[in-house]
Amino acid sequence: MYNKDEKLALHSLAGGPTRDTVLDIPARGARISPDGKWVAYETFDETTAHHFELFVQPFPGPGPRVQVSQPGTRGMEPMWSPDGRRLFYTGDSTVIVADVRTSPTFAVSSRRTLFDNSPFASNSGGGYDVTPDGKHLLKVRTLNDGEAAVVHNWRAEVKRRVAESSGQRK
């Protein structure tokens, strides 16, 4: 669900004041860069596109925003690499990585598709993560076409299956 009134707010964990609006545009899926100087976010601009696109701008601002996703293409679920030199995101049915420069200003130097995202679960807010060494991406894979199994009395079920697998029928 998208709400055009959603804004990014900054809340102090030390009990200080809350900054109600960090970005004065509708935004979601925000991720702060490892150096704390940039924020990546997805936004829906119905005047130019009819889907979410990915942008980065200085954090906590002010400053100009830079589009990370290709103009006119979908960009969602941003995730920074631990070194801050790459920004991963999902496109229509792919996972994409953008090589970025963060100093002295933010710029995208290249983008490439990593893999097909269709067999993987997607939920705005980052249904994946990058390993600390930046060499792997962990993503939830969707099995059984999204079916969910609810097992009541699951402890008894586990005991029964363990007993069956070891040849001890009960």
N, C-alpha and C. Protein backbone atom coordinates (compact mmCIF):
# COMPACT_ATOMS: atom_id res chain seq x y z
N MET A 1 0.85 -1.17 0.00
CA MET A 1 0.00 0.00 0.00
C MET A 1 0.89 1.23 0.00
N TYR A 2 0.54 2.18 -0.80
CA TYR A 2 1.30 3.42 -0.91
C TYR A 2 0.42 4.57 -0.44
N ASN A 3 0.98 5.41 0.39
CA ASN A 3 0.26 6.57 0.89
C ASN A 3 1.07 7.80 0.51
N LYS A 4 0.51 8.67 -0.33
CA LYS A 4 1.28 9.83 -0.80
C LYS A 4 1.58 10.82 0.32
N ASP A 5 1.00 10.62 1.50
CA ASP A 5 1.28 11.49 2.63
C ASP A 5 2.40 10.95 3.52
N GLU A 6 2.98 9.78 3.15
CA GLU A 6 4.07 9.22 3.93
C GLU A 6 5.31 10.08 3.75
N LYS A 7 5.94 10.45 4.85
CA LYS A 7 7.18 11.23 4.83
C LYS A 7 8.17 10.52 5.75
N LEU A 8 9.44 10.74 5.54
CA LEU A 8 10.45 10.17 6.42
C LEU A 8 10.62 11.06 7.63
N ALA A 9 10.57 10.47 8.81
CA ALA A 9 10.76 11.20 10.06
C ALA A 9 11.97 10.63 10.78
N LEU A 10 12.66 11.46 11.53
CA LEU A 10 13.85 11.06 12.26
C LEU A 10 13.55 11.12 13.75
N HIS A 11 13.63 9.96 14.41
CA HIS A 11 13.33 9.88 15.84
C HIS A 11 14.62 9.63 16.62
N SER A 12 14.85 10.38 17.67
CA SER A 12 16.02 10.22 18.51
C SER A 12 15.83 9.02 19.43
N LEU A 13 16.84 8.15 19.51
CA LEU A 13 16.80 7.01 20.42
C LEU A 13 17.29 7.40 21.81
N ALA A 14 17.80 8.61 21.93
CA ALA A 14 18.31 9.10 23.21
C ALA A 14 17.31 10.01 23.92
N GLY A 15 16.08 10.02 23.43
CA GLY A 15 15.05 10.83 24.06
C GLY A 15 15.04 12.28 23.62
N GLY A 16 15.82 12.61 22.61
CA GLY A 16 15.86 13.98 22.11
C GLY A 16 14.66 14.29 21.23
N PRO A 17 14.70 15.45 20.59
CA PRO A 17 13.57 15.85 19.75
C PRO A 17 13.42 14.97 18.51
N THR A 18 12.19 14.87 18.03
CA THR A 18 11.89 14.15 16.81
C THR A 18 11.83 15.14 15.67
N ARG A 19 12.52 14.83 14.60
CA ARG A 19 12.45 15.65 13.40
C ARG A 19 11.37 15.04 12.53
N ASP A 20 10.23 15.72 12.42
CA ASP A 20 9.07 15.14 11.76
C ASP A 20 9.27 14.87 10.28
N THR A 21 9.99 15.74 9.59
CA THR A 21 10.15 15.54 8.16
C THR A 21 11.61 15.65 7.78
N VAL A 22 12.17 14.53 7.32
CA VAL A 22 13.53 14.52 6.82
C VAL A 22 13.50 14.80 5.32
N LEU A 23 12.55 14.19 4.63
CA LEU A 23 12.34 14.43 3.20
C LEU A 23 10.92 14.95 3.03
N ASP A 24 10.78 16.01 2.30
CA ASP A 24 9.46 16.60 2.12
C ASP A 24 8.79 16.06 0.87
N ILE A 25 8.96 14.78 0.61
CA ILE A 25 8.32 14.10 -0.50
C ILE A 25 7.85 12.75 0.00
N PRO A 26 6.86 12.15 -0.65
CA PRO A 26 6.45 10.80 -0.25
C PRO A 26 7.61 9.83 -0.46
N ALA A 27 7.96 9.07 0.56
CA ALA A 27 9.09 8.15 0.45
C ALA A 27 8.89 6.97 1.38
N ARG A 28 9.50 5.83 1.01
CA ARG A 28 9.48 4.66 1.87
C ARG A 28 10.72 3.82 1.59
N GLY A 29 10.93 2.79 2.41
CA GLY A 29 12.05 1.88 2.21
C GLY A 29 13.40 2.55 2.42
N ALA A 30 13.48 3.54 3.29
CA ALA A 30 14.71 4.31 3.46
C ALA A 30 15.83 3.49 4.10
N ARG A 31 17.05 3.68 3.60
CA ARG A 31 18.24 3.04 4.14
C ARG A 31 19.35 4.09 4.21
N ILE A 32 19.94 4.23 5.39
CA ILE A 32 21.05 5.16 5.61
C ILE A 32 22.34 4.49 5.13
N SER A 33 23.21 5.24 4.46
CA SER A 33 24.49 4.70 3.98
C SER A 33 25.38 4.36 5.17
N PRO A 34 26.34 3.45 4.98
CA PRO A 34 27.24 3.07 6.08
C PRO A 34 27.99 4.24 6.70
N ASP A 35 28.30 5.27 5.91
CA ASP A 35 29.01 6.44 6.48
C ASP A 35 28.04 7.45 7.11
N GLY A 36 26.74 7.19 7.00
CA GLY A 36 25.73 8.05 7.61
C GLY A 36 25.47 9.35 6.89
N LYS A 37 26.00 9.52 5.69
CA LYS A 37 25.88 10.80 4.97
C LYS A 37 24.81 10.82 3.89
N TRP A 38 24.25 9.66 3.55
CA TRP A 38 23.29 9.56 2.45
C TRP A 38 22.10 8.71 2.87
N VAL A 39 20.96 8.98 2.26
CA VAL A 39 19.78 8.14 2.46
C VAL A 39 19.26 7.72 1.09
N ALA A 40 19.06 6.40 0.94
CA ALA A 40 18.46 5.83 -0.26
C ALA A 40 17.01 5.56 0.06
N TYR A 41 16.12 5.83 -0.88
CA TYR A 41 14.70 5.63 -0.64
C TYR A 41 13.97 5.43 -1.96
N GLU A 42 12.79 4.86 -1.87
CA GLU A 42 11.93 4.71 -3.04
C GLU A 42 10.79 5.71 -2.92
N THR A 43 10.40 6.25 -4.06
CA THR A 43 9.29 7.19 -4.08
C THR A 43 8.48 6.99 -5.34
N PHE A 44 7.25 7.39 -5.27
CA PHE A 44 6.30 7.22 -6.36
C PHE A 44 5.90 8.62 -6.81
N ASP A 45 6.34 9.00 -7.98
CA ASP A 45 6.01 10.32 -8.52
C ASP A 45 5.03 10.12 -9.66
N GLU A 46 3.75 10.29 -9.36
CA GLU A 46 2.73 10.00 -10.36
C GLU A 46 2.72 10.97 -11.53
N THR A 47 3.47 12.06 -11.45
CA THR A 47 3.52 12.99 -12.58
C THR A 47 4.52 12.53 -13.63
N THR A 48 5.54 11.74 -13.23
CA THR A 48 6.56 11.31 -14.20
C THR A 48 6.58 9.81 -14.43
N ALA A 49 6.16 9.04 -13.46
CA ALA A 49 6.19 7.58 -13.58
C ALA A 49 5.00 7.01 -12.83
N HIS A 50 4.69 5.78 -13.13
CA HIS A 50 3.57 5.14 -12.45
C HIS A 50 4.05 3.91 -11.69
N HIS A 51 5.21 4.05 -11.08
CA HIS A 51 5.81 3.00 -10.25
C HIS A 51 6.86 3.65 -9.35
N PHE A 52 7.38 2.87 -8.41
CA PHE A 52 8.41 3.39 -7.51
C PHE A 52 9.75 3.48 -8.22
N GLU A 53 10.48 4.54 -7.92
CA GLU A 53 11.83 4.73 -8.44
C GLU A 53 12.75 4.98 -7.25
N LEU A 54 14.04 4.72 -7.43
CA LEU A 54 15.00 4.79 -6.34
C LEU A 54 15.87 6.04 -6.44
N PHE A 55 16.01 6.74 -5.31
CA PHE A 55 16.80 7.97 -5.25
C PHE A 55 17.71 7.94 -4.03
N VAL A 56 18.74 8.78 -4.06
CA VAL A 56 19.64 9.01 -2.93
C VAL A 56 19.79 10.51 -2.78
N GLN A 57 19.84 10.96 -1.54
CA GLN A 57 20.16 12.36 -1.29
C GLN A 57 20.88 12.49 0.03
N PRO A 58 21.52 13.66 0.27
CA PRO A 58 22.27 13.83 1.51
C PRO A 58 21.40 13.61 2.74
N PHE A 59 22.01 13.04 3.77
CA PHE A 59 21.30 12.82 5.02
C PHE A 59 22.04 13.53 6.14
N PRO A 60 21.39 14.31 6.96
CA PRO A 60 19.95 14.51 7.00
C PRO A 60 19.46 15.60 6.08
N GLY A 61 20.25 16.05 5.16
CA GLY A 61 19.84 17.07 4.21
C GLY A 61 20.32 18.43 4.67
N PRO A 62 20.02 19.45 3.93
CA PRO A 62 19.37 19.43 2.62
C PRO A 62 20.35 19.06 1.51
N GLY A 63 19.83 18.92 0.32
CA GLY A 63 20.66 18.65 -0.84
C GLY A 63 19.86 18.03 -1.95
N PRO A 64 20.41 18.03 -3.14
CA PRO A 64 19.68 17.49 -4.30
C PRO A 64 19.59 15.97 -4.26
N ARG A 65 18.54 15.46 -4.83
CA ARG A 65 18.40 14.01 -4.93
C ARG A 65 18.97 13.55 -6.26
N VAL A 66 19.50 12.31 -6.26
CA VAL A 66 20.07 11.71 -7.46
C VAL A 66 19.31 10.41 -7.71
N GLN A 67 18.85 10.22 -8.94
CA GLN A 67 18.13 8.98 -9.26
C GLN A 67 19.13 7.85 -9.45
N VAL A 68 18.88 6.72 -8.77
CA VAL A 68 19.73 5.55 -8.87
C VAL A 68 19.16 4.59 -9.90
N SER A 69 17.86 4.30 -9.84
CA SER A 69 17.25 3.44 -10.85
C SER A 69 17.25 4.21 -12.18
N GLN A 70 17.28 3.47 -13.27
CA GLN A 70 17.21 4.13 -14.59
C GLN A 70 15.90 4.90 -14.67
N PRO A 71 15.92 6.13 -15.17
CA PRO A 71 14.66 6.88 -15.30
C PRO A 71 13.62 6.06 -16.06
N GLY A 72 12.42 6.02 -15.50
CA GLY A 72 11.32 5.28 -16.13
C GLY A 72 11.27 3.81 -15.78
N THR A 73 12.22 3.33 -14.97
CA THR A 73 12.21 1.92 -14.56
C THR A 73 11.99 1.82 -13.06
N ARG A 74 11.49 0.69 -12.65
CA ARG A 74 11.19 0.47 -11.24
C ARG A 74 12.47 0.33 -10.42
N GLY A 75 12.46 0.88 -9.21
CA GLY A 75 13.56 0.74 -8.26
C GLY A 75 13.01 0.72 -6.85
N MET A 76 13.19 -0.39 -6.15
CA MET A 76 12.64 -0.55 -4.80
C MET A 76 13.62 -1.32 -3.93
N GLU A 77 13.34 -1.34 -2.63
CA GLU A 77 14.08 -2.14 -1.65
C GLU A 77 15.58 -1.87 -1.67
N PRO A 78 16.01 -0.63 -1.45
CA PRO A 78 17.45 -0.34 -1.48
C PRO A 78 18.19 -1.00 -0.32
N MET A 79 19.43 -1.41 -0.57
CA MET A 79 20.29 -2.00 0.45
C MET A 79 21.73 -1.64 0.11
N TRP A 80 22.41 -0.96 1.02
CA TRP A 80 23.80 -0.56 0.81
C TRP A 80 24.74 -1.73 1.04
N SER A 81 25.83 -1.78 0.28
CA SER A 81 26.92 -2.71 0.60
C SER A 81 27.61 -2.17 1.85
N PRO A 82 28.27 -3.03 2.62
CA PRO A 82 28.91 -2.57 3.86
C PRO A 82 29.94 -1.45 3.64
N ASP A 83 30.60 -1.44 2.49
CA ASP A 83 31.58 -0.39 2.23
C ASP A 83 30.97 0.87 1.63
N GLY A 84 29.67 0.84 1.31
CA GLY A 84 28.98 2.01 0.78
C GLY A 84 29.28 2.31 -0.68
N ARG A 85 29.97 1.42 -1.37
CA ARG A 85 30.32 1.67 -2.77
C ARG A 85 29.34 1.05 -3.76
N ARG A 86 28.38 0.29 -3.24
CA ARG A 86 27.36 -0.31 -4.10
C ARG A 86 26.00 -0.18 -3.43
N LEU A 87 25.00 -0.04 -4.25
CA LEU A 87 23.62 0.04 -3.76
C LEU A 87 22.82 -1.00 -4.53
N PHE A 88 22.30 -1.98 -3.80
CA PHE A 88 21.49 -3.04 -4.40
C PHE A 88 20.03 -2.62 -4.34
N TYR A 89 19.24 -3.05 -5.32
CA TYR A 89 17.81 -2.77 -5.30
C TYR A 89 17.09 -3.74 -6.23
N THR A 90 15.78 -3.81 -6.07
CA THR A 90 14.99 -4.67 -6.94
C THR A 90 14.34 -3.83 -8.02
N GLY A 91 14.28 -4.43 -9.22
CA GLY A 91 13.60 -3.82 -10.36
C GLY A 91 12.29 -4.55 -10.58
N ASP A 92 11.81 -4.57 -11.83
CA ASP A 92 10.55 -5.25 -12.11
C ASP A 92 10.59 -6.71 -11.73
N SER A 93 11.59 -7.44 -12.17
CA SER A 93 11.72 -8.86 -11.81
C SER A 93 13.19 -9.23 -11.67
N THR A 94 14.01 -8.26 -11.30
CA THR A 94 15.44 -8.49 -11.19
C THR A 94 16.01 -7.85 -9.93
N VAL A 95 17.19 -8.31 -9.53
CA VAL A 95 17.97 -7.62 -8.50
C VAL A 95 19.10 -6.92 -9.25
N ILE A 96 19.29 -5.65 -8.96
CA ILE A 96 20.23 -4.80 -9.67
C ILE A 96 21.23 -4.25 -8.66
N VAL A 97 22.46 -4.02 -9.10
CA VAL A 97 23.45 -3.35 -8.26
C VAL A 97 23.93 -2.12 -9.02
N ALA A 98 24.01 -1.02 -8.28
CA ALA A 98 24.56 0.22 -8.83
C ALA A 98 25.88 0.49 -8.13
N ASP A 99 26.93 0.68 -8.91
CA ASP A 99 28.21 1.11 -8.35
C ASP A 99 28.11 2.61 -8.18
N VAL A 100 28.44 3.09 -6.98
CA VAL A 100 28.24 4.51 -6.67
C VAL A 100 29.50 5.15 -6.09
N ARG A 101 29.55 6.46 -6.23
CA ARG A 101 30.59 7.27 -5.60
C ARG A 101 29.88 8.17 -4.62
N THR A 102 30.42 8.29 -3.41
CA THR A 102 29.75 9.10 -2.39
C THR A 102 30.53 10.36 -2.02
N SER A 103 31.70 10.55 -2.61
CA SER A 103 32.49 11.72 -2.26
C SER A 103 33.17 12.28 -3.50
N PRO A 104 33.17 13.56 -3.73
CA PRO A 104 32.64 14.62 -2.87
C PRO A 104 31.12 14.76 -2.98
N THR A 105 30.55 14.25 -4.08
CA THR A 105 29.10 14.24 -4.22
C THR A 105 28.68 12.83 -4.61
N PHE A 106 27.39 12.56 -4.53
CA PHE A 106 26.89 11.24 -4.87
C PHE A 106 26.72 11.13 -6.39
N ALA A 107 27.16 9.99 -6.94
CA ALA A 107 26.98 9.73 -8.37
C ALA A 107 26.90 8.23 -8.60
N VAL A 108 26.14 7.84 -9.61
CA VAL A 108 26.05 6.44 -10.03
C VAL A 108 27.02 6.26 -11.19
N SER A 109 27.97 5.32 -11.05
CA SER A 109 28.93 5.11 -12.13
C SER A 109 28.51 4.00 -13.08
N SER A 110 27.76 3.00 -12.59
CA SER A 110 27.26 1.94 -13.45
C SER A 110 26.15 1.18 -12.75
N ARG A 111 25.36 0.46 -13.54
CA ARG A 111 24.30 -0.42 -13.03
C ARG A 111 24.38 -1.73 -13.79
N ARG A 112 24.09 -2.83 -13.10
CA ARG A 112 24.02 -4.11 -13.80
C ARG A 112 23.03 -5.02 -13.09
N THR A 113 22.38 -5.85 -13.87
CA THR A 113 21.44 -6.81 -13.33
C THR A 113 22.22 -7.99 -12.79
N LEU A 114 21.90 -8.40 -11.55
CA LEU A 114 22.58 -9.53 -10.93
C LEU A 114 21.88 -10.85 -11.22
N PHE A 115 20.55 -10.90 -11.02
CA PHE A 115 19.82 -12.14 -11.27
C PHE A 115 18.33 -11.88 -11.32
N ASP A 116 17.62 -12.90 -11.80
CA ASP A 116 16.16 -12.86 -11.88
C ASP A 116 15.60 -12.94 -10.47
N ASN A 117 14.72 -12.05 -10.12
CA ASN A 117 14.16 -11.96 -8.78
C ASN A 117 12.83 -12.71 -8.65
N SER A 118 12.28 -13.23 -9.73
CA SER A 118 10.93 -13.79 -9.68
C SER A 118 10.77 -14.98 -8.73
N PRO A 119 11.79 -15.85 -8.52
CA PRO A 119 11.55 -16.94 -7.56
C PRO A 119 11.74 -16.52 -6.11
N PHE A 120 11.95 -15.25 -5.86
CA PHE A 120 12.24 -14.80 -4.50
C PHE A 120 11.12 -13.93 -3.97
N ALA A 121 10.94 -13.99 -2.67
CA ALA A 121 9.94 -13.18 -2.00
C ALA A 121 10.38 -11.72 -2.06
N SER A 122 9.41 -10.84 -2.16
CA SER A 122 9.72 -9.42 -2.16
C SER A 122 8.76 -8.73 -1.22
N ASN A 123 9.30 -7.95 -0.33
CA ASN A 123 8.45 -7.14 0.53
C ASN A 123 9.15 -5.82 0.73
N SER A 124 8.45 -4.75 0.50
CA SER A 124 9.09 -3.46 0.63
C SER A 124 9.64 -3.33 2.04
N GLY A 125 10.83 -2.82 2.13
CA GLY A 125 11.49 -2.72 3.40
C GLY A 125 12.71 -3.59 3.45
N GLY A 126 13.02 -4.26 2.35
CA GLY A 126 14.25 -5.01 2.28
C GLY A 126 14.11 -6.43 2.73
N GLY A 127 13.60 -7.31 1.90
CA GLY A 127 13.49 -8.73 2.20
C GLY A 127 14.79 -9.46 1.93
N TYR A 128 15.91 -8.76 2.05
CA TYR A 128 17.20 -9.37 1.80
C TYR A 128 18.27 -8.56 2.52
N ASP A 129 19.51 -9.09 2.51
CA ASP A 129 20.62 -8.36 3.12
C ASP A 129 21.90 -8.73 2.41
N VAL A 130 22.90 -7.90 2.57
CA VAL A 130 24.22 -8.11 2.00
C VAL A 130 25.13 -8.57 3.13
N THR A 131 25.94 -9.60 2.87
CA THR A 131 26.83 -10.11 3.90
C THR A 131 27.88 -9.05 4.26
N PRO A 132 28.44 -9.12 5.48
CA PRO A 132 29.41 -8.11 5.92
C PRO A 132 30.63 -7.96 5.00
N ASP A 133 31.02 -9.04 4.30
CA ASP A 133 32.16 -8.91 3.39
C ASP A 133 31.73 -8.37 2.02
N GLY A 134 30.42 -8.18 1.81
CA GLY A 134 29.92 -7.63 0.56
C GLY A 134 29.97 -8.58 -0.62
N LYS A 135 30.22 -9.87 -0.38
CA LYS A 135 30.39 -10.83 -1.47
C LYS A 135 29.14 -11.67 -1.77
N HIS A 136 28.15 -11.62 -0.87
CA HIS A 136 26.95 -12.43 -1.06
C HIS A 136 25.71 -11.62 -0.71
N LEU A 137 24.61 -12.05 -1.28
CA LEU A 137 23.33 -11.43 -0.99
C LEU A 137 22.40 -12.53 -0.49
N LEU A 138 21.81 -12.33 0.67
CA LEU A 138 20.89 -13.29 1.26
C LEU A 138 19.48 -12.82 0.98
N LYS A 139 18.67 -13.69 0.37
CA LYS A 139 17.31 -13.32 0.00
C LYS A 139 16.40 -14.49 0.26
N VAL A 140 15.20 -14.23 0.71
CA VAL A 140 14.22 -15.28 0.98
C VAL A 140 13.67 -15.80 -0.34
N ARG A 141 13.71 -17.11 -0.51
CA ARG A 141 13.19 -17.73 -1.72
C ARG A 141 11.77 -18.20 -1.48
N THR A 142 10.88 -17.92 -2.42
CA THR A 142 9.48 -18.32 -2.32
C THR A 142 9.35 -19.76 -2.81
N LEU A 143 8.75 -20.61 -2.00
CA LEU A 143 8.49 -21.99 -2.37
C LEU A 143 6.99 -22.24 -2.41
N ASN A 144 6.57 -23.22 -3.16
CA ASN A 144 5.16 -23.63 -3.22
C ASN A 144 4.22 -22.49 -3.59
N ASP A 145 4.66 -21.63 -4.49
CA ASP A 145 3.82 -20.54 -4.98
C ASP A 145 3.20 -19.71 -3.87
N GLY A 146 3.95 -19.48 -2.81
CA GLY A 146 3.48 -18.62 -1.74
C GLY A 146 2.52 -19.27 -0.77
N GLU A 147 2.34 -20.60 -0.85
CA GLU A 147 1.45 -21.26 0.09
C GLU A 147 2.07 -21.29 1.47
N ALA A 148 1.25 -21.19 2.47
CA ALA A 148 1.72 -21.28 3.85
C ALA A 148 1.10 -22.49 4.51
N ALA A 149 1.88 -23.19 5.32
CA ALA A 149 1.36 -24.35 6.04
C ALA A 149 1.29 -23.99 7.52
N VAL A 150 0.15 -24.23 8.12
CA VAL A 150 -0.02 -24.00 9.54
C VAL A 150 -0.09 -25.37 10.20
N VAL A 151 0.82 -25.62 11.13
CA VAL A 151 0.86 -26.91 11.81
C VAL A 151 0.45 -26.70 13.25
N HIS A 152 -0.71 -27.26 13.60
CA HIS A 152 -1.18 -27.21 14.98
C HIS A 152 -0.48 -28.33 15.75
N ASN A 153 -0.19 -28.08 17.00
CA ASN A 153 0.47 -29.07 17.85
C ASN A 153 1.78 -29.54 17.20
N TRP A 154 2.59 -28.57 16.78
CA TRP A 154 3.79 -28.87 16.00
C TRP A 154 4.83 -29.68 16.76
N ARG A 155 4.89 -29.55 18.09
CA ARG A 155 5.86 -30.34 18.84
C ARG A 155 5.57 -31.83 18.72
N ALA A 156 4.31 -32.19 18.81
CA ALA A 156 3.93 -33.59 18.66
C ALA A 156 4.25 -34.08 17.24
N GLU A 157 4.06 -33.21 16.26
CA GLU A 157 4.36 -33.55 14.87
C GLU A 157 5.86 -33.79 14.69
N VAL A 158 6.69 -32.96 15.30
CA VAL A 158 8.14 -33.15 15.22
C VAL A 158 8.54 -34.47 15.87
N LYS A 159 8.00 -34.75 17.06
CA LYS A 159 8.32 -36.01 17.75
C LYS A 159 7.91 -37.21 16.89
N ARG A 160 6.72 -37.14 16.28
CA ARG A 160 6.24 -38.23 15.43
C ARG A 160 7.18 -38.45 14.25
N ARG A 161 7.60 -37.35 13.59
CA ARG A 161 8.47 -37.48 12.41
C ARG A 161 9.87 -37.98 12.79
N VAL A 162 10.39 -37.54 13.92
CA VAL A 162 11.70 -38.03 14.37
C VAL A 162 11.61 -39.53 14.67
N ALA A 163 10.54 -39.93 15.36
CA ALA A 163 10.37 -41.36 15.67
C ALA A 163 10.24 -42.18 14.40
N GLU A 164 9.51 -41.67 13.39
CA GLU A 164 9.35 -42.41 12.14
C GLU A 164 10.67 -42.51 11.41
N SER A 165 11.44 -41.45 11.38
CA SER A 165 12.71 -41.47 10.65
C SER A 165 13.75 -42.38 11.32
N SER A 166 13.60 -42.60 12.61
CA SER A 166 14.56 -43.49 13.29
C SER A 166 13.99 -44.90 13.45
N GLY A 167 12.83 -45.16 12.88
CA GLY A 167 12.24 -46.48 12.91
C GLY A 167 11.47 -46.80 14.18
N GLN A 168 11.18 -45.82 15.01
CA GLN A 168 10.46 -46.05 16.26
C GLN A 168 9.03 -45.55 16.12
N ARG A 169 8.17 -46.30 15.55
CA ARG A 169 6.77 -45.87 15.38
C ARG A 169 6.08 -45.78 16.70
N LYS A 170 5.32 -44.71 16.90
CA LYS A 170 4.54 -44.54 18.12
C LYS A 170 3.11 -44.28 17.78
